Amino acid sequence: MNPDKKYILDEIKERVDVSPFVLVVDYTGVTVPEFDELRGRLSEAGAECHVAKNTFMKRVLADAGLPDLSESLVGQTAFITGDSDVCGVAKAVANFAKEFNKPEIKAGILDGSVLDAAQVTALASLPSREVMLGMLLSTINAPATKLLRTINEPAGSLARVIKAKFPDES
């Protein structure tokens, strides 16, 4: 194999191996300034967008033991990888696509499962990881808070009755 090809394949495989997700987008019609803008937004979300030959991506995905995306790897495709929050990345791509009417989300892989374009778009509508953790924490704390109020209520009621009966002695 050509050393240049091997270098490119190794670099792509390294990105795919460390990322919990891979999103595939069709960047047909995206200008260079628009592509730079997309890369900037993805960078803020903790992700990178790269263009590679479709045959290289097919080979890398197969070597990494990931599902086959051959039907999505047609035409001008770019792949997006990141290190953390797939929802934030999907949101950045979806917002960019709404603004510029491109790129088109084709598919994705999240934790070894194939996602179609609708599922990737659905990820974009989810709140961020921090918001979801806050919601989970409030759900976990709600029963304990309610129990504490229930336990404290009899003593509070007694204190209010005593205060109402003997207002000057407090």
N, C-alpha and C. Protein backbone atom coordinates (compact mmCIF):
# COMPACT_ATOMS: atom_id res chain seq x y z
N MET A 1 0.85 -1.19 0.00
CA MET A 1 0.00 0.00 0.00
C MET A 1 0.89 1.24 0.00
N ASN A 2 0.44 2.22 -0.72
CA ASN A 2 1.13 3.50 -0.79
C ASN A 2 1.26 4.09 0.61
N PRO A 3 2.46 4.56 1.00
CA PRO A 3 2.65 5.11 2.35
C PRO A 3 1.75 6.32 2.65
N ASP A 4 1.46 7.11 1.61
CA ASP A 4 0.57 8.26 1.82
C ASP A 4 -0.84 7.80 2.16
N LYS A 5 -1.32 6.77 1.46
CA LYS A 5 -2.64 6.24 1.74
C LYS A 5 -2.69 5.66 3.15
N LYS A 6 -1.65 4.93 3.52
CA LYS A 6 -1.60 4.32 4.85
C LYS A 6 -1.64 5.40 5.92
N TYR A 7 -0.92 6.48 5.71
CA TYR A 7 -0.91 7.59 6.67
C TYR A 7 -2.31 8.19 6.82
N ILE A 8 -2.99 8.41 5.70
CA ILE A 8 -4.34 8.98 5.73
C ILE A 8 -5.30 8.03 6.43
N LEU A 9 -5.24 6.75 6.10
CA LEU A 9 -6.11 5.77 6.74
C LEU A 9 -5.86 5.69 8.24
N ASP A 10 -4.60 5.72 8.64
CA ASP A 10 -4.27 5.67 10.07
C ASP A 10 -4.80 6.90 10.81
N GLU A 11 -4.69 8.05 10.17
CA GLU A 11 -5.17 9.28 10.79
C GLU A 11 -6.70 9.26 10.96
N ILE A 12 -7.40 8.81 9.93
CA ILE A 12 -8.86 8.72 10.01
C ILE A 12 -9.25 7.70 11.08
N LYS A 13 -8.58 6.55 11.09
CA LYS A 13 -8.90 5.50 12.05
C LYS A 13 -8.68 5.99 13.48
N GLU A 14 -7.63 6.75 13.69
CA GLU A 14 -7.36 7.29 15.03
C GLU A 14 -8.51 8.20 15.49
N ARG A 15 -9.00 9.04 14.59
CA ARG A 15 -10.13 9.92 14.94
C ARG A 15 -11.39 9.11 15.25
N VAL A 16 -11.65 8.11 14.43
CA VAL A 16 -12.85 7.29 14.61
C VAL A 16 -12.75 6.47 15.89
N ASP A 17 -11.57 5.96 16.21
CA ASP A 17 -11.40 5.13 17.41
C ASP A 17 -11.64 5.88 18.71
N VAL A 18 -11.25 7.15 18.76
CA VAL A 18 -11.39 7.91 20.01
C VAL A 18 -12.74 8.61 20.14
N SER A 19 -13.51 8.61 19.07
CA SER A 19 -14.80 9.31 19.09
C SER A 19 -15.93 8.33 19.39
N PRO A 20 -16.87 8.72 20.27
CA PRO A 20 -18.02 7.86 20.53
C PRO A 20 -19.06 7.91 19.39
N PHE A 21 -18.87 8.80 18.44
CA PHE A 21 -19.82 8.94 17.34
C PHE A 21 -19.11 9.33 16.06
N VAL A 22 -19.77 9.04 14.95
CA VAL A 22 -19.34 9.49 13.63
C VAL A 22 -20.61 9.94 12.91
N LEU A 23 -20.63 11.17 12.46
CA LEU A 23 -21.75 11.67 11.67
C LEU A 23 -21.29 11.86 10.23
N VAL A 24 -22.13 11.49 9.29
CA VAL A 24 -21.80 11.61 7.87
C VAL A 24 -22.73 12.66 7.27
N VAL A 25 -22.14 13.66 6.61
CA VAL A 25 -22.93 14.71 5.98
C VAL A 25 -22.53 14.85 4.51
N ASP A 26 -23.48 15.29 3.70
CA ASP A 26 -23.24 15.57 2.30
C ASP A 26 -22.98 17.07 2.18
N TYR A 27 -21.78 17.43 1.79
CA TYR A 27 -21.42 18.85 1.74
C TYR A 27 -21.50 19.44 0.34
N THR A 28 -22.26 18.83 -0.55
CA THR A 28 -22.43 19.34 -1.90
C THR A 28 -22.96 20.77 -1.85
N GLY A 29 -22.28 21.67 -2.54
CA GLY A 29 -22.73 23.06 -2.62
C GLY A 29 -22.23 23.94 -1.50
N VAL A 30 -21.50 23.40 -0.55
CA VAL A 30 -20.97 24.21 0.56
C VAL A 30 -19.71 24.91 0.07
N THR A 31 -19.68 26.22 0.20
CA THR A 31 -18.51 26.98 -0.22
C THR A 31 -17.41 26.87 0.84
N VAL A 32 -16.21 27.26 0.47
CA VAL A 32 -15.09 27.20 1.39
C VAL A 32 -15.34 28.06 2.63
N PRO A 33 -15.81 29.32 2.49
CA PRO A 33 -16.09 30.10 3.70
C PRO A 33 -17.18 29.46 4.58
N GLU A 34 -18.19 28.88 3.94
CA GLU A 34 -19.24 28.21 4.71
C GLU A 34 -18.68 26.98 5.44
N PHE A 35 -17.80 26.24 4.77
CA PHE A 35 -17.19 25.07 5.39
C PHE A 35 -16.33 25.49 6.58
N ASP A 36 -15.63 26.60 6.44
CA ASP A 36 -14.83 27.12 7.56
C ASP A 36 -15.74 27.52 8.73
N GLU A 37 -16.87 28.13 8.41
CA GLU A 37 -17.84 28.50 9.45
C GLU A 37 -18.38 27.25 10.15
N LEU A 38 -18.70 26.22 9.39
CA LEU A 38 -19.18 24.96 9.97
C LEU A 38 -18.12 24.36 10.88
N ARG A 39 -16.90 24.33 10.42
CA ARG A 39 -15.80 23.78 11.24
C ARG A 39 -15.63 24.58 12.53
N GLY A 40 -15.78 25.90 12.46
CA GLY A 40 -15.68 26.72 13.65
C GLY A 40 -16.78 26.40 14.66
N ARG A 41 -18.00 26.26 14.16
CA ARG A 41 -19.12 25.93 15.06
C ARG A 41 -18.94 24.53 15.67
N LEU A 42 -18.45 23.61 14.86
CA LEU A 42 -18.22 22.27 15.38
C LEU A 42 -17.09 22.25 16.41
N SER A 43 -16.09 23.07 16.18
CA SER A 43 -14.99 23.17 17.14
C SER A 43 -15.48 23.66 18.49
N GLU A 44 -16.40 24.62 18.48
CA GLU A 44 -16.99 25.11 19.73
C GLU A 44 -17.77 24.01 20.45
N ALA A 45 -18.32 23.07 19.68
CA ALA A 45 -19.09 21.97 20.25
C ALA A 45 -18.20 20.77 20.59
N GLY A 46 -16.90 20.89 20.35
CA GLY A 46 -15.97 19.81 20.68
C GLY A 46 -15.87 18.74 19.60
N ALA A 47 -16.02 19.14 18.35
CA ALA A 47 -15.97 18.16 17.25
C ALA A 47 -15.14 18.70 16.10
N GLU A 48 -14.84 17.80 15.17
CA GLU A 48 -14.08 18.15 13.97
C GLU A 48 -14.78 17.59 12.75
N CYS A 49 -14.66 18.30 11.64
CA CYS A 49 -15.25 17.85 10.38
C CYS A 49 -14.10 17.65 9.39
N HIS A 50 -14.09 16.46 8.77
CA HIS A 50 -13.03 16.14 7.83
C HIS A 50 -13.62 15.53 6.57
N VAL A 51 -12.94 15.78 5.47
CA VAL A 51 -13.33 15.19 4.19
C VAL A 51 -12.33 14.08 3.89
N ALA A 52 -12.88 12.93 3.52
CA ALA A 52 -12.03 11.80 3.13
C ALA A 52 -12.74 11.06 2.01
N LYS A 53 -11.96 10.32 1.25
CA LYS A 53 -12.55 9.52 0.18
C LYS A 53 -13.52 8.51 0.80
N ASN A 54 -14.62 8.29 0.12
CA ASN A 54 -15.61 7.35 0.63
C ASN A 54 -15.03 5.95 0.81
N THR A 55 -14.16 5.55 -0.10
CA THR A 55 -13.55 4.21 0.02
C THR A 55 -12.68 4.13 1.27
N PHE A 56 -12.01 5.23 1.61
CA PHE A 56 -11.20 5.26 2.83
C PHE A 56 -12.09 5.10 4.06
N MET A 57 -13.21 5.82 4.06
CA MET A 57 -14.12 5.74 5.22
C MET A 57 -14.70 4.34 5.35
N LYS A 58 -15.08 3.72 4.24
CA LYS A 58 -15.61 2.36 4.29
C LYS A 58 -14.58 1.42 4.91
N ARG A 59 -13.35 1.56 4.47
CA ARG A 59 -12.28 0.70 4.98
C ARG A 59 -12.02 0.95 6.46
N VAL A 60 -11.98 2.22 6.87
CA VAL A 60 -11.73 2.55 8.27
C VAL A 60 -12.85 2.04 9.17
N LEU A 61 -14.10 2.22 8.75
CA LEU A 61 -15.22 1.74 9.55
C LEU A 61 -15.18 0.23 9.68
N ALA A 62 -14.83 -0.47 8.61
CA ALA A 62 -14.73 -1.93 8.67
C ALA A 62 -13.59 -2.35 9.59
N ASP A 63 -12.44 -1.68 9.49
CA ASP A 63 -11.29 -2.01 10.33
C ASP A 63 -11.57 -1.73 11.80
N ALA A 64 -12.39 -0.71 12.07
CA ALA A 64 -12.71 -0.34 13.46
C ALA A 64 -13.82 -1.21 14.04
N GLY A 65 -14.40 -2.09 13.21
CA GLY A 65 -15.47 -2.95 13.69
C GLY A 65 -16.80 -2.23 13.84
N LEU A 66 -16.96 -1.13 13.11
CA LEU A 66 -18.20 -0.36 13.17
C LEU A 66 -19.14 -0.78 12.05
N PRO A 67 -20.42 -0.48 12.18
CA PRO A 67 -21.39 -0.87 11.15
C PRO A 67 -21.06 -0.24 9.79
N ASP A 68 -21.55 -0.91 8.76
CA ASP A 68 -21.32 -0.47 7.39
C ASP A 68 -22.26 0.68 7.04
N LEU A 69 -21.70 1.75 6.51
CA LEU A 69 -22.49 2.91 6.06
C LEU A 69 -22.34 3.12 4.56
N SER A 70 -22.14 2.05 3.82
CA SER A 70 -21.87 2.16 2.38
C SER A 70 -22.94 2.94 1.63
N GLU A 71 -24.21 2.74 2.01
CA GLU A 71 -25.28 3.44 1.30
C GLU A 71 -25.24 4.95 1.55
N SER A 72 -24.64 5.38 2.64
CA SER A 72 -24.53 6.81 2.94
C SER A 72 -23.24 7.42 2.42
N LEU A 73 -22.26 6.59 2.15
CA LEU A 73 -20.97 7.08 1.70
C LEU A 73 -20.94 7.15 0.17
N VAL A 74 -21.79 8.02 -0.35
CA VAL A 74 -21.91 8.24 -1.79
C VAL A 74 -21.91 9.75 -2.02
N GLY A 75 -21.20 10.19 -3.04
CA GLY A 75 -21.16 11.62 -3.34
C GLY A 75 -20.13 12.34 -2.50
N GLN A 76 -20.33 13.63 -2.30
CA GLN A 76 -19.39 14.45 -1.55
C GLN A 76 -19.74 14.35 -0.07
N THR A 77 -19.01 13.52 0.64
CA THR A 77 -19.32 13.32 2.05
C THR A 77 -18.16 13.77 2.92
N ALA A 78 -18.55 14.25 4.08
CA ALA A 78 -17.59 14.61 5.11
C ALA A 78 -18.02 13.86 6.36
N PHE A 79 -17.09 13.62 7.24
CA PHE A 79 -17.43 12.95 8.47
C PHE A 79 -17.06 13.82 9.65
N ILE A 80 -17.88 13.72 10.69
CA ILE A 80 -17.71 14.54 11.88
C ILE A 80 -17.49 13.61 13.06
N THR A 81 -16.42 13.87 13.80
CA THR A 81 -16.13 13.11 15.01
C THR A 81 -15.93 14.11 16.14
N GLY A 82 -16.05 13.62 17.34
CA GLY A 82 -15.86 14.49 18.50
C GLY A 82 -15.50 13.68 19.71
N ASP A 83 -15.35 14.38 20.82
CA ASP A 83 -14.91 13.69 22.02
C ASP A 83 -15.96 13.59 23.10
N SER A 84 -17.13 14.22 22.92
CA SER A 84 -18.08 14.15 24.02
C SER A 84 -19.53 14.18 23.57
N ASP A 85 -20.14 15.34 23.60
CA ASP A 85 -21.59 15.50 23.50
C ASP A 85 -22.08 15.46 22.06
N VAL A 86 -22.63 14.31 21.65
CA VAL A 86 -23.14 14.17 20.29
C VAL A 86 -24.35 15.07 20.07
N CYS A 87 -25.13 15.32 21.11
CA CYS A 87 -26.32 16.18 20.96
C CYS A 87 -25.90 17.61 20.59
N GLY A 88 -24.89 18.13 21.23
CA GLY A 88 -24.40 19.47 20.92
C GLY A 88 -23.86 19.56 19.50
N VAL A 89 -23.18 18.52 19.07
CA VAL A 89 -22.63 18.49 17.72
C VAL A 89 -23.76 18.41 16.70
N ALA A 90 -24.73 17.53 16.96
CA ALA A 90 -25.87 17.40 16.04
C ALA A 90 -26.64 18.72 15.97
N LYS A 91 -26.75 19.40 17.11
CA LYS A 91 -27.44 20.69 17.14
C LYS A 91 -26.69 21.72 16.30
N ALA A 92 -25.35 21.73 16.41
CA ALA A 92 -24.56 22.67 15.62
C ALA A 92 -24.73 22.43 14.12
N VAL A 93 -24.73 21.17 13.71
CA VAL A 93 -24.90 20.84 12.29
C VAL A 93 -26.32 21.20 11.83
N ALA A 94 -27.31 20.86 12.65
CA ALA A 94 -28.70 21.14 12.27
C ALA A 94 -28.95 22.65 12.17
N ASN A 95 -28.42 23.42 13.11
CA ASN A 95 -28.58 24.88 13.06
C ASN A 95 -27.89 25.46 11.82
N PHE A 96 -26.70 24.95 11.52
CA PHE A 96 -25.99 25.41 10.34
C PHE A 96 -26.79 25.07 9.08
N ALA A 97 -27.35 23.86 9.04
CA ALA A 97 -28.13 23.43 7.87
C ALA A 97 -29.39 24.28 7.71
N LYS A 98 -30.01 24.67 8.83
CA LYS A 98 -31.19 25.54 8.74
C LYS A 98 -30.81 26.91 8.18
N GLU A 99 -29.66 27.38 8.59
CA GLU A 99 -29.21 28.71 8.19
C GLU A 99 -28.77 28.77 6.73
N PHE A 100 -28.05 27.73 6.29
CA PHE A 100 -27.46 27.75 4.94
C PHE A 100 -28.09 26.74 3.97
N ASN A 101 -29.07 25.97 4.43
CA ASN A 101 -29.72 24.92 3.64
C ASN A 101 -28.74 23.85 3.17
N LYS A 102 -27.65 23.68 3.83
CA LYS A 102 -26.66 22.66 3.58
C LYS A 102 -25.71 22.62 4.78
N PRO A 103 -25.05 21.62 5.09
CA PRO A 103 -24.98 20.31 4.48
C PRO A 103 -26.18 19.46 4.89
N GLU A 104 -26.35 18.38 4.17
CA GLU A 104 -27.43 17.44 4.47
C GLU A 104 -26.88 16.32 5.34
N ILE A 105 -27.53 16.08 6.45
CA ILE A 105 -27.12 14.97 7.32
C ILE A 105 -27.56 13.68 6.65
N LYS A 106 -26.63 12.74 6.50
CA LYS A 106 -26.94 11.47 5.84
C LYS A 106 -27.18 10.35 6.84
N ALA A 107 -26.26 10.19 7.79
CA ALA A 107 -26.34 9.07 8.73
C ALA A 107 -25.35 9.32 9.86
N GLY A 108 -25.29 8.37 10.75
CA GLY A 108 -24.34 8.46 11.84
C GLY A 108 -24.18 7.13 12.54
N ILE A 109 -23.16 7.06 13.35
CA ILE A 109 -22.94 5.91 14.21
C ILE A 109 -22.74 6.47 15.61
N LEU A 110 -23.51 5.94 16.56
CA LEU A 110 -23.40 6.36 17.95
C LEU A 110 -23.25 5.10 18.80
N ASP A 111 -22.12 4.97 19.47
CA ASP A 111 -21.83 3.81 20.31
C ASP A 111 -22.08 2.50 19.58
N GLY A 112 -21.67 2.42 18.31
CA GLY A 112 -21.78 1.19 17.55
C GLY A 112 -23.11 0.96 16.87
N SER A 113 -24.08 1.85 17.04
CA SER A 113 -25.40 1.69 16.41
C SER A 113 -25.55 2.70 15.27
N VAL A 114 -26.15 2.24 14.19
CA VAL A 114 -26.37 3.11 13.04
C VAL A 114 -27.57 4.01 13.29
N LEU A 115 -27.42 5.29 12.96
CA LEU A 115 -28.50 6.27 13.06
C LEU A 115 -28.81 6.78 11.66
N ASP A 116 -30.09 6.91 11.35
CA ASP A 116 -30.42 7.53 10.07
C ASP A 116 -30.49 9.05 10.27
N ALA A 117 -30.75 9.77 9.20
CA ALA A 117 -30.75 11.24 9.26
C ALA A 117 -31.79 11.76 10.26
N ALA A 118 -32.96 11.14 10.31
CA ALA A 118 -34.01 11.59 11.24
C ALA A 118 -33.58 11.40 12.69
N GLN A 119 -32.88 10.33 12.98
CA GLN A 119 -32.43 10.10 14.35
C GLN A 119 -31.34 11.09 14.75
N VAL A 120 -30.46 11.41 13.83
CA VAL A 120 -29.42 12.41 14.12
C VAL A 120 -30.08 13.77 14.36
N THR A 121 -31.08 14.11 13.56
CA THR A 121 -31.80 15.36 13.74
C THR A 121 -32.54 15.36 15.07
N ALA A 122 -33.08 14.21 15.48
CA ALA A 122 -33.75 14.11 16.78
C ALA A 122 -32.77 14.35 17.92
N LEU A 123 -31.54 13.90 17.76
CA LEU A 123 -30.51 14.18 18.78
C LEU A 123 -30.29 15.68 18.94
N ALA A 124 -30.42 16.40 17.84
CA ALA A 124 -30.22 17.85 17.88
C ALA A 124 -31.28 18.55 18.72
N SER A 125 -32.45 17.94 18.84
CA SER A 125 -33.52 18.58 19.60
C SER A 125 -33.43 18.28 21.10
N LEU A 126 -32.55 17.37 21.49
CA LEU A 126 -32.38 17.08 22.91
C LEU A 126 -31.62 18.21 23.60
N PRO A 127 -31.88 18.42 24.89
CA PRO A 127 -31.10 19.43 25.62
C PRO A 127 -29.65 18.96 25.78
N SER A 128 -28.80 19.87 26.17
CA SER A 128 -27.39 19.54 26.35
C SER A 128 -27.22 18.56 27.51
N ARG A 129 -26.05 17.99 27.58
CA ARG A 129 -25.75 17.00 28.62
C ARG A 129 -25.92 17.61 30.01
N GLU A 130 -25.45 18.83 30.19
CA GLU A 130 -25.53 19.47 31.50
C GLU A 130 -26.98 19.70 31.92
N VAL A 131 -27.82 20.12 30.98
CA VAL A 131 -29.24 20.34 31.27
C VAL A 131 -29.90 19.02 31.62
N MET A 132 -29.57 17.96 30.87
CA MET A 132 -30.16 16.65 31.15
C MET A 132 -29.73 16.13 32.52
N LEU A 133 -28.47 16.35 32.88
CA LEU A 133 -28.01 15.94 34.21
C LEU A 133 -28.72 16.71 35.31
N GLY A 134 -28.96 17.99 35.08
CA GLY A 134 -29.72 18.80 36.05
C GLY A 134 -31.15 18.31 36.20
N MET A 135 -31.77 17.95 35.08
CA MET A 135 -33.13 17.41 35.14
C MET A 135 -33.16 16.09 35.90
N LEU A 136 -32.17 15.25 35.66
CA LEU A 136 -32.08 13.97 36.36
C LEU A 136 -31.88 14.18 37.86
N LEU A 137 -31.01 15.10 38.21
CA LEU A 137 -30.76 15.39 39.61
C LEU A 137 -32.01 15.91 40.31
N SER A 138 -32.75 16.79 39.66
CA SER A 138 -33.98 17.30 40.28
C SER A 138 -35.02 16.19 40.42
N THR A 139 -35.06 15.27 39.48
CA THR A 139 -35.99 14.14 39.57
C THR A 139 -35.59 13.22 40.72
N ILE A 140 -34.31 13.01 40.89
CA ILE A 140 -33.84 12.16 41.99
C ILE A 140 -34.09 12.84 43.33
N ASN A 141 -33.91 14.14 43.42
CA ASN A 141 -34.07 14.88 44.68
C ASN A 141 -35.53 15.11 45.06
N ALA A 142 -36.45 15.06 44.11
CA ALA A 142 -37.85 15.39 44.39
C ALA A 142 -38.47 14.52 45.48
N PRO A 143 -38.35 13.20 45.48
CA PRO A 143 -38.95 12.40 46.55
C PRO A 143 -38.36 12.71 47.93
N ALA A 144 -37.06 12.93 48.00
CA ALA A 144 -36.43 13.23 49.28
C ALA A 144 -36.91 14.59 49.80
N THR A 145 -37.05 15.56 48.93
CA THR A 145 -37.54 16.88 49.33
C THR A 145 -38.98 16.79 49.83
N LYS A 146 -39.80 16.03 49.13
CA LYS A 146 -41.19 15.87 49.54
C LYS A 146 -41.28 15.15 50.89
N LEU A 147 -40.46 14.14 51.09
CA LEU A 147 -40.43 13.41 52.36
C LEU A 147 -40.01 14.34 53.50
N LEU A 148 -39.02 15.15 53.27
CA LEU A 148 -38.56 16.09 54.29
C LEU A 148 -39.66 17.08 54.66
N ARG A 149 -40.37 17.60 53.68
CA ARG A 149 -41.48 18.52 53.97
C ARG A 149 -42.57 17.81 54.77
N THR A 150 -42.87 16.57 54.42
CA THR A 150 -43.90 15.80 55.13
C THR A 150 -43.49 15.56 56.58
N ILE A 151 -42.24 15.23 56.80
CA ILE A 151 -41.75 14.99 58.17
C ILE A 151 -41.79 16.28 58.99
N ASN A 152 -41.45 17.40 58.40
CA ASN A 152 -41.38 18.67 59.12
C ASN A 152 -42.75 19.32 59.33
N GLU A 153 -43.76 18.94 58.58
CA GLU A 153 -45.06 19.60 58.64
C GLU A 153 -45.75 19.50 60.00
N PRO A 154 -45.80 18.32 60.66
CA PRO A 154 -46.48 18.30 61.97
C PRO A 154 -45.85 19.25 62.98
N ALA A 155 -44.55 19.29 63.04
CA ALA A 155 -43.89 20.19 64.00
C ALA A 155 -44.16 21.65 63.62
N GLY A 156 -44.15 21.96 62.34
CA GLY A 156 -44.43 23.33 61.89
C GLY A 156 -45.87 23.72 62.20
N SER A 157 -46.80 22.78 62.01
CA SER A 157 -48.21 23.06 62.32
C SER A 157 -48.38 23.30 63.81
N LEU A 158 -47.73 22.49 64.64
CA LEU A 158 -47.81 22.67 66.09
C LEU A 158 -47.25 24.03 66.48
N ALA A 159 -46.15 24.42 65.89
CA ALA A 159 -45.55 25.72 66.21
C ALA A 159 -46.49 26.85 65.81
N ARG A 160 -47.16 26.75 64.69
CA ARG A 160 -48.09 27.80 64.27
C ARG A 160 -49.31 27.87 65.19
N VAL A 161 -49.80 26.72 65.65
CA VAL A 161 -50.94 26.70 66.58
C VAL A 161 -50.56 27.35 67.90
N ILE A 162 -49.38 27.02 68.42
CA ILE A 162 -48.92 27.60 69.69
C ILE A 162 -48.74 29.11 69.54
N LYS A 163 -48.18 29.53 68.44
CA LYS A 163 -47.97 30.97 68.20
C LYS A 163 -49.32 31.69 68.10
N ALA A 164 -50.31 31.06 67.44
CA ALA A 164 -51.62 31.67 67.33
C ALA A 164 -52.32 31.74 68.69
N LYS A 165 -52.14 30.74 69.54
CA LYS A 165 -52.79 30.69 70.87
C LYS A 165 -52.14 31.65 71.84
N PHE A 166 -50.81 31.71 71.78
CA PHE A 166 -50.06 32.57 72.71
C PHE A 166 -49.16 33.53 71.92
N PRO A 167 -49.71 34.57 71.29
CA PRO A 167 -48.92 35.44 70.41
C PRO A 167 -47.90 36.31 71.16
N ASP A 168 -48.10 36.65 72.42
CA ASP A 168 -47.21 37.56 73.13
C ASP A 168 -46.00 36.86 73.73
N GLU A 169 -45.98 35.56 73.81
CA GLU A 169 -44.94 34.85 74.53
C GLU A 169 -43.77 34.41 73.62
N SER A 170 -43.73 34.85 72.41
CA SER A 170 -42.66 34.39 71.56
C SER A 170 -41.46 35.27 71.59
